[in-house]
């Protein structure tokens, strides 16, 4: 991937230095509870809240002033927007089935692991869309169309996203092997790492999209 825009680089640097903030958000969302998964709604919401916190922490005036209250109000916005997420999932189910047929030559249900992977991707995309819409609404008329710009920027970089997720997956698995007795990872652990890489990759691309759109906005 090319170097991120200055605004995105600042956000990513802040996120690297504040892992404690992410841990607190994961706990607040219940992402560590029994039955929660690294790519479940709780984890996705926590990572999006983390990105929102990074945006506020690194923004410069006048954008910083416009962002006041967004990160704090984001949990409520995510709660209110769950019906929008459900509609997104229903609408996307047909596209998922078509992708399985055209790209993989299978029907839904034939490969449960593929079904799960595509459903996770669709769900993450739905939550990102909700955040982008919430940010546009919060910033007001001067930023009309922001959500579409962010989503279009991400939508045009599917290959970059796939490469990023694979890179994160390799890094996370290598770190886990170094920490594991004997350096071996069972299939469940590998799957959890893959889910975590998926969420982290999408949020990294969201941050890059915000940097490429908001960062160049004179407002």
C-alpha atoms as a PDB file:
ATOM      1  CA  UNK A   1       0.000   0.000   0.000  1.00  0.00           C
ATOM      2  CA  UNK A   2       1.066   3.579  -0.586  1.00  0.00           C
ATOM      3  CA  UNK A   3       1.942   5.790   2.353  1.00  0.00           C
ATOM      4  CA  UNK A   4      -1.167   7.092   4.161  1.00  0.00           C
ATOM      5  CA  UNK A   5      -2.147  10.740   3.989  1.00  0.00           C
ATOM      6  CA  UNK A   6      -0.760  12.863   6.855  1.00  0.00           C
ATOM      7  CA  UNK A   7      -4.073  12.882   8.702  1.00  0.00           C
ATOM      8  CA  UNK A   8      -4.392   9.092   8.478  1.00  0.00           C
ATOM      9  CA  UNK A   9      -0.759   8.642   9.513  1.00  0.00           C
ATOM     10  CA  UNK A  10      -1.390  10.752  12.603  1.00  0.00           C
ATOM     11  CA  UNK A  11      -4.466   8.687  13.490  1.00  0.00           C
ATOM     12  CA  UNK A  12      -2.657   5.383  12.994  1.00  0.00           C
ATOM     13  CA  UNK A  13       0.260   6.580  15.102  1.00  0.00           C
ATOM     14  CA  UNK A  14      -2.113   7.574  17.905  1.00  0.00           C
ATOM     15  CA  UNK A  15      -3.811   4.182  17.723  1.00  0.00           C
ATOM     16  CA  UNK A  16      -0.472   2.359  17.971  1.00  0.00           C
ATOM     17  CA  UNK A  17       0.394   4.333  21.103  1.00  0.00           C
ATOM     18  CA  UNK A  18      -2.979   3.906  22.807  1.00  0.00           C
ATOM     19  CA  UNK A  19      -3.719   0.207  22.849  1.00  0.00           C
ATOM     20  CA  UNK A  20      -5.007   0.716  26.389  1.00  0.00           C
ATOM     21  CA  UNK A  21      -7.868   2.798  24.995  1.00  0.00           C
ATOM     22  CA  UNK A  22      -8.850  -0.020  22.648  1.00  0.00           C
ATOM     23  CA  UNK A  23      -8.731  -2.554  25.481  1.00  0.00           C
ATOM     24  CA  UNK A  24     -11.065  -0.375  27.536  1.00  0.00           C
ATOM     25  CA  UNK A  25     -13.466  -0.003  24.604  1.00  0.00           C
ATOM     26  CA  UNK A  26     -13.461  -3.755  23.961  1.00  0.00           C
ATOM     27  CA  UNK A  27     -14.342  -4.317  27.607  1.00  0.00           C
ATOM     28  CA  UNK A  28     -17.042  -1.632  27.489  1.00  0.00           C
ATOM     29  CA  UNK A  29     -18.645  -3.265  24.441  1.00  0.00           C
ATOM     30  CA  UNK A  30     -18.467  -6.717  26.026  1.00  0.00           C
ATOM     31  CA  UNK A  31     -16.096  -8.016  23.356  1.00  0.00           C
ATOM     32  CA  UNK A  32     -14.262 -10.124  25.941  1.00  0.00           C
ATOM     33  CA  UNK A  33     -17.433 -11.794  27.227  1.00  0.00           C
ATOM     34  CA  UNK A  34     -18.011 -15.509  26.828  1.00  0.00           C
ATOM     35  CA  UNK A  35     -19.306 -16.227  23.341  1.00  0.00           C
ATOM     36  CA  UNK A  36     -17.971 -13.020  21.831  1.00  0.00           C
ATOM     37  CA  UNK A  37     -15.777 -13.337  18.747  1.00  0.00           C
ATOM     38  CA  UNK A  38     -12.985 -11.142  17.337  1.00  0.00           C
ATOM     39  CA  UNK A  39     -15.205 -10.190  14.400  1.00  0.00           C
ATOM     40  CA  UNK A  40     -18.491  -9.999  16.274  1.00  0.00           C
ATOM     41  CA  UNK A  41     -20.564  -6.842  16.597  1.00  0.00           C
ATOM     42  CA  UNK A  42     -19.038  -5.946  19.984  1.00  0.00           C
ATOM     43  CA  UNK A  43     -15.468  -6.091  18.661  1.00  0.00           C
ATOM     44  CA  UNK A  44     -16.335  -4.202  15.474  1.00  0.00           C
ATOM     45  CA  UNK A  45     -18.063  -1.442  17.449  1.00  0.00           C
ATOM     46  CA  UNK A  46     -15.105  -1.144  19.814  1.00  0.00           C
ATOM     47  CA  UNK A  47     -12.645  -0.774  16.939  1.00  0.00           C
ATOM     48  CA  UNK A  48     -14.838   1.852  15.259  1.00  0.00           C
ATOM     49  CA  UNK A  49     -15.069   3.788  18.521  1.00  0.00           C
ATOM     50  CA  UNK A  50     -11.269   3.555  18.722  1.00  0.00           C
ATOM     51  CA  UNK A  51     -10.965   5.072  15.250  1.00  0.00           C
ATOM     52  CA  UNK A  52     -13.376   7.846  16.236  1.00  0.00           C
ATOM     53  CA  UNK A  53     -11.275   8.578  19.339  1.00  0.00           C
ATOM     54  CA  UNK A  54      -8.145   8.730  17.190  1.00  0.00           C
ATOM     55  CA  UNK A  55      -9.853  11.102  14.762  1.00  0.00           C
ATOM     56  CA  UNK A  56     -10.758  13.524  17.561  1.00  0.00           C
ATOM     57  CA  UNK A  57      -7.365  13.240  19.254  1.00  0.00           C
ATOM     58  CA  UNK A  58      -5.378  14.069  16.120  1.00  0.00           C
ATOM     59  CA  UNK A  59      -7.662  16.480  14.245  1.00  0.00           C
ATOM     60  CA  UNK A  60      -6.643  20.111  13.947  1.00  0.00           C
ATOM     61  CA  UNK A  61      -8.914  23.168  14.064  1.00  0.00           C
ATOM     62  CA  UNK A  62     -11.468  23.850  12.755  1.00  0.00           C
ATOM     63  CA  UNK A  63     -12.265  20.146  12.238  1.00  0.00           C
ATOM     64  CA  UNK A  64     -11.419  19.329  15.844  1.00  0.00           C
ATOM     65  CA  UNK A  65     -14.128  21.704  17.056  1.00  0.00           C
ATOM     66  CA  UNK A  66     -16.643  20.213  14.631  1.00  0.00           C
ATOM     67  CA  UNK A  67     -15.871  16.707  15.906  1.00  0.00           C
ATOM     68  CA  UNK A  68     -16.614  17.517  19.540  1.00  0.00           C
ATOM     69  CA  UNK A  69     -19.186  15.080  20.869  1.00  0.00           C
ATOM     70  CA  UNK A  70     -18.974  12.620  17.980  1.00  0.00           C
ATOM     71  CA  UNK A  71     -16.861   9.946  19.665  1.00  0.00           C
ATOM     72  CA  UNK A  72     -18.833  10.266  22.893  1.00  0.00           C
ATOM     73  CA  UNK A  73     -22.148   9.956  21.089  1.00  0.00           C
ATOM     74  CA  UNK A  74     -21.084   7.161  18.772  1.00  0.00           C
ATOM     75  CA  UNK A  75     -22.308   4.249  20.967  1.00  0.00           C
ATOM     76  CA  UNK A  76     -25.803   5.715  20.990  1.00  0.00           C
ATOM     77  CA  UNK A  77     -25.709   6.252  17.228  1.00  0.00           C
ATOM     78  CA  UNK A  78     -24.600   2.653  16.676  1.00  0.00           C
ATOM     79  CA  UNK A  79     -27.450   1.424  18.891  1.00  0.00           C
ATOM     80  CA  UNK A  80     -30.022   3.533  17.069  1.00  0.00           C
ATOM     81  CA  UNK A  81     -28.748   2.391  13.678  1.00  0.00           C
ATOM     82  CA  UNK A  82     -29.011  -1.356  14.226  1.00  0.00           C
ATOM     83  CA  UNK A  83     -32.158  -1.547  12.036  1.00  0.00           C
ATOM     84  CA  UNK A  84     -30.065  -0.016   9.243  1.00  0.00           C
ATOM     85  CA  UNK A  85     -27.456  -2.729   9.787  1.00  0.00           C
ATOM     86  CA  UNK A  86     -30.102  -5.439   9.566  1.00  0.00           C
ATOM     87  CA  UNK A  87     -31.406  -4.022   6.291  1.00  0.00           C
ATOM     88  CA  UNK A  88     -27.834  -3.891   5.003  1.00  0.00           C
ATOM     89  CA  UNK A  89     -27.363  -7.580   5.828  1.00  0.00           C
ATOM     90  CA  UNK A  90     -30.617  -8.593   4.162  1.00  0.00           C
ATOM     91  CA  UNK A  91     -29.830  -6.572   1.042  1.00  0.00           C
ATOM     92  CA  UNK A  92     -26.280  -7.913   0.889  1.00  0.00           C
ATOM     93  CA  UNK A  93     -27.297 -11.562   1.178  1.00  0.00           C
ATOM     94  CA  UNK A  94     -28.124 -11.730  -2.529  1.00  0.00           C
ATOM     95  CA  UNK A  95     -24.809 -10.153  -3.484  1.00  0.00           C
ATOM     96  CA  UNK A  96     -23.005 -12.673  -1.298  1.00  0.00           C
ATOM     97  CA  UNK A  97     -24.777 -15.568  -2.995  1.00  0.00           C
ATOM     98  CA  UNK A  98     -23.872 -14.197  -6.422  1.00  0.00           C
ATOM     99  CA  UNK A  99     -20.231 -13.759  -5.394  1.00  0.00           C
ATOM    100  CA  UNK A 100     -20.051 -17.336  -4.134  1.00  0.00           C
ATOM    101  CA  UNK A 101     -21.453 -18.555  -7.452  1.00  0.00           C
ATOM    102  CA  UNK A 102     -19.311 -16.417  -9.764  1.00  0.00           C
ATOM    103  CA  UNK A 103     -16.038 -16.348  -7.857  1.00  0.00           C
ATOM    104  CA  UNK A 104     -16.013 -19.666  -6.037  1.00  0.00           C
ATOM    105  CA  UNK A 105     -18.438 -21.817  -8.013  1.00  0.00           C
ATOM    106  CA  UNK A 106     -20.482 -22.843  -4.973  1.00  0.00           C
ATOM    107  CA  UNK A 107     -23.903 -22.139  -3.565  1.00  0.00           C
ATOM    108  CA  UNK A 108     -24.597 -20.677  -0.121  1.00  0.00           C
ATOM    109  CA  UNK A 109     -24.438 -23.469   2.452  1.00  0.00           C
ATOM    110  CA  UNK A 110     -22.012 -25.602   0.465  1.00  0.00           C
ATOM    111  CA  UNK A 111     -18.971 -24.187   2.278  1.00  0.00           C
ATOM    112  CA  UNK A 112     -19.846 -22.986   5.814  1.00  0.00           C
ATOM    113  CA  UNK A 113     -16.424 -21.384   6.304  1.00  0.00           C
ATOM    114  CA  UNK A 114     -16.845 -19.322   3.133  1.00  0.00           C
ATOM    115  CA  UNK A 115     -20.371 -18.356   4.168  1.00  0.00           C
ATOM    116  CA  UNK A 116     -19.058 -17.173   7.531  1.00  0.00           C
ATOM    117  CA  UNK A 117     -16.178 -15.205   6.009  1.00  0.00           C
ATOM    118  CA  UNK A 118     -18.431 -13.363   3.547  1.00  0.00           C
ATOM    119  CA  UNK A 119     -21.026 -12.682   6.235  1.00  0.00           C
ATOM    120  CA  UNK A 120     -18.331 -11.194   8.482  1.00  0.00           C
ATOM    121  CA  UNK A 121     -17.127  -8.964   5.670  1.00  0.00           C
ATOM    122  CA  UNK A 122     -20.682  -7.830   4.968  1.00  0.00           C
ATOM    123  CA  UNK A 123     -21.299  -7.123   8.664  1.00  0.00           C
ATOM    124  CA  UNK A 124     -18.080  -5.129   9.079  1.00  0.00           C
ATOM    125  CA  UNK A 125     -18.942  -3.121   5.976  1.00  0.00           C
ATOM    126  CA  UNK A 126     -22.393  -2.407   7.384  1.00  0.00           C
ATOM    127  CA  UNK A 127     -21.034  -1.016  10.642  1.00  0.00           C
ATOM    128  CA  UNK A 128     -18.485   1.111   8.762  1.00  0.00           C
ATOM    129  CA  UNK A 129     -21.287   2.525   6.599  1.00  0.00           C
ATOM    130  CA  UNK A 130     -23.216   3.428   9.750  1.00  0.00           C
ATOM    131  CA  UNK A 131     -20.205   5.210  11.241  1.00  0.00           C
ATOM    132  CA  UNK A 132     -19.610   7.146   8.018  1.00  0.00           C
ATOM    133  CA  UNK A 133     -23.259   8.235   7.882  1.00  0.00           C
ATOM    134  CA  UNK A 134     -23.116   9.238  11.537  1.00  0.00           C
ATOM    135  CA  UNK A 135     -19.984  11.292  10.973  1.00  0.00           C
ATOM    136  CA  UNK A 136     -21.524  13.087   7.986  1.00  0.00           C
ATOM    137  CA  UNK A 137     -24.640  13.856  10.001  1.00  0.00           C
ATOM    138  CA  UNK A 138     -22.616  15.097  12.964  1.00  0.00           C
ATOM    139  CA  UNK A 139     -20.421  17.406  10.880  1.00  0.00           C
ATOM    140  CA  UNK A 140     -23.406  18.981   9.166  1.00  0.00           C
ATOM    141  CA  UNK A 141     -24.193  20.456   5.741  1.00  0.00           C
ATOM    142  CA  UNK A 142     -20.622  21.562   5.092  1.00  0.00           C
ATOM    143  CA  UNK A 143     -19.691  17.882   4.760  1.00  0.00           C
ATOM    144  CA  UNK A 144     -22.637  16.619   2.711  1.00  0.00           C
ATOM    145  CA  UNK A 145     -21.621  13.542   0.739  1.00  0.00           C
ATOM    146  CA  UNK A 146     -18.793  12.584   3.103  1.00  0.00           C
ATOM    147  CA  UNK A 147     -20.157   9.096   3.764  1.00  0.00           C
ATOM    148  CA  UNK A 148     -20.329   8.343   0.059  1.00  0.00           C
ATOM    149  CA  UNK A 149     -16.803   9.619  -0.462  1.00  0.00           C
ATOM    150  CA  UNK A 150     -15.443   7.436   2.337  1.00  0.00           C
ATOM    151  CA  UNK A 151     -17.267   4.334   1.129  1.00  0.00           C
ATOM    152  CA  UNK A 152     -16.290   4.940  -2.501  1.00  0.00           C
ATOM    153  CA  UNK A 153     -12.634   5.362  -1.487  1.00  0.00           C
ATOM    154  CA  UNK A 154     -12.715   2.038   0.340  1.00  0.00           C
ATOM    155  CA  UNK A 155     -14.759   0.328  -2.358  1.00  0.00           C
ATOM    156  CA  UNK A 156     -12.129   1.089  -4.965  1.00  0.00           C
ATOM    157  CA  UNK A 157      -9.383  -0.619  -2.978  1.00  0.00           C
ATOM    158  CA  UNK A 158     -10.548  -4.201  -2.489  1.00  0.00           C
ATOM    159  CA  UNK A 159      -7.209  -5.671  -3.542  1.00  0.00           C
ATOM    160  CA  UNK A 160      -5.288  -3.410  -1.190  1.00  0.00           C
ATOM    161  CA  UNK A 161      -7.639  -4.403   1.621  1.00  0.00           C
ATOM    162  CA  UNK A 162      -7.150  -8.105   0.910  1.00  0.00           C
ATOM    163  CA  UNK A 163      -3.377  -7.710   0.918  1.00  0.00           C
ATOM    164  CA  UNK A 164      -3.523  -5.736   4.149  1.00  0.00           C
ATOM    165  CA  UNK A 165      -5.661  -8.375   5.871  1.00  0.00           C
ATOM    166  CA  UNK A 166      -3.302 -11.154   4.763  1.00  0.00           C
ATOM    167  CA  UNK A 167      -0.313  -9.171   6.032  1.00  0.00           C
ATOM    168  CA  UNK A 168      -1.949  -8.555   9.391  1.00  0.00           C
ATOM    169  CA  UNK A 169      -2.946 -12.210   9.601  1.00  0.00           C
ATOM    170  CA  UNK A 170       0.659 -13.302   9.071  1.00  0.00           C
ATOM    171  CA  UNK A 171       1.964 -10.806  11.626  1.00  0.00           C
ATOM    172  CA  UNK A 172      -0.571 -11.780  14.275  1.00  0.00           C
ATOM    173  CA  UNK A 173       0.003 -15.497  13.764  1.00  0.00           C
ATOM    174  CA  UNK A 174       3.772 -15.067  13.918  1.00  0.00           C
ATOM    175  CA  UNK A 175       3.441 -13.184  17.197  1.00  0.00           C
ATOM    176  CA  UNK A 176       1.079 -15.822  18.583  1.00  0.00           C
ATOM    177  CA  UNK A 177       3.471 -18.630  17.624  1.00  0.00           C
ATOM    178  CA  UNK A 178       6.331 -16.860  19.378  1.00  0.00           C
ATOM    179  CA  UNK A 179       4.203 -16.643  22.508  1.00  0.00           C
ATOM    180  CA  UNK A 180       2.829 -20.205  22.331  1.00  0.00           C
ATOM    181  CA  UNK A 181       4.609 -23.197  23.866  1.00  0.00           C
ATOM    182  CA  UNK A 182       6.168 -25.049  20.959  1.00  0.00           C
ATOM    183  CA  UNK A 183       5.039 -22.343  18.539  1.00  0.00           C
ATOM    184  CA  UNK A 184       1.982 -24.302  17.361  1.00  0.00           C
ATOM    185  CA  UNK A 185      -1.494 -22.826  16.903  1.00  0.00           C
ATOM    186  CA  UNK A 186      -4.667 -24.868  16.856  1.00  0.00           C
ATOM    187  CA  UNK A 187      -7.300 -24.270  14.193  1.00  0.00           C
ATOM    188  CA  UNK A 188      -9.591 -22.348  16.531  1.00  0.00           C
ATOM    189  CA  UNK A 189      -6.819 -19.914  17.418  1.00  0.00           C
ATOM    190  CA  UNK A 190      -5.896 -19.469  13.762  1.00  0.00           C
ATOM    191  CA  UNK A 191      -9.529 -18.719  12.947  1.00  0.00           C
ATOM    192  CA  UNK A 192      -9.774 -16.147  15.746  1.00  0.00           C
ATOM    193  CA  UNK A 193      -6.591 -14.473  14.522  1.00  0.00           C
ATOM    194  CA  UNK A 194      -7.984 -14.368  11.000  1.00  0.00           C
ATOM    195  CA  UNK A 195     -11.142 -12.693  12.288  1.00  0.00           C
ATOM    196  CA  UNK A 196      -9.120 -10.130  14.221  1.00  0.00           C
ATOM    197  CA  UNK A 197      -7.014  -9.360  11.137  1.00  0.00           C
ATOM    198  CA  UNK A 198     -10.198  -8.870   9.120  1.00  0.00           C
ATOM    199  CA  UNK A 199     -11.573  -6.270  11.522  1.00  0.00           C
ATOM    200  CA  UNK A 200      -8.229  -4.521  11.950  1.00  0.00           C
ATOM    201  CA  UNK A 201      -7.684  -4.392   8.199  1.00  0.00           C
ATOM    202  CA  UNK A 202     -11.085  -2.853   7.528  1.00  0.00           C
ATOM    203  CA  UNK A 203     -10.632  -0.256  10.263  1.00  0.00           C
ATOM    204  CA  UNK A 204      -7.148   0.600   8.957  1.00  0.00           C
ATOM    205  CA  UNK A 205      -8.686   1.210   5.526  1.00  0.00           C
ATOM    206  CA  UNK A 206     -11.438   3.303   7.114  1.00  0.00           C
ATOM    207  CA  UNK A 207      -8.788   5.465   8.776  1.00  0.00           C
ATOM    208  CA  UNK A 208      -7.005   5.857   5.442  1.00  0.00           C
ATOM    209  CA  UNK A 209     -10.302   6.800   3.787  1.00  0.00           C
ATOM    210  CA  UNK A 210     -11.006   9.430   6.431  1.00  0.00           C
ATOM    211  CA  UNK A 211      -7.523  10.841   5.984  1.00  0.00           C
ATOM    212  CA  UNK A 212      -7.951  11.003   2.216  1.00  0.00           C
ATOM    213  CA  UNK A 213     -11.341  12.762   2.426  1.00  0.00           C
ATOM    214  CA  UNK A 214     -11.434  14.879   5.564  1.00  0.00           C
ATOM    215  CA  UNK A 215      -7.724  15.634   5.396  1.00  0.00           C
ATOM    216  CA  UNK A 216      -8.071  17.469   2.104  1.00  0.00           C
ATOM    217  CA  UNK A 217     -11.257  19.265   3.068  1.00  0.00           C
ATOM    218  CA  UNK A 218     -10.619  22.957   3.648  1.00  0.00           C
ATOM    219  CA  UNK A 219     -13.650  23.084   5.937  1.00  0.00           C
END
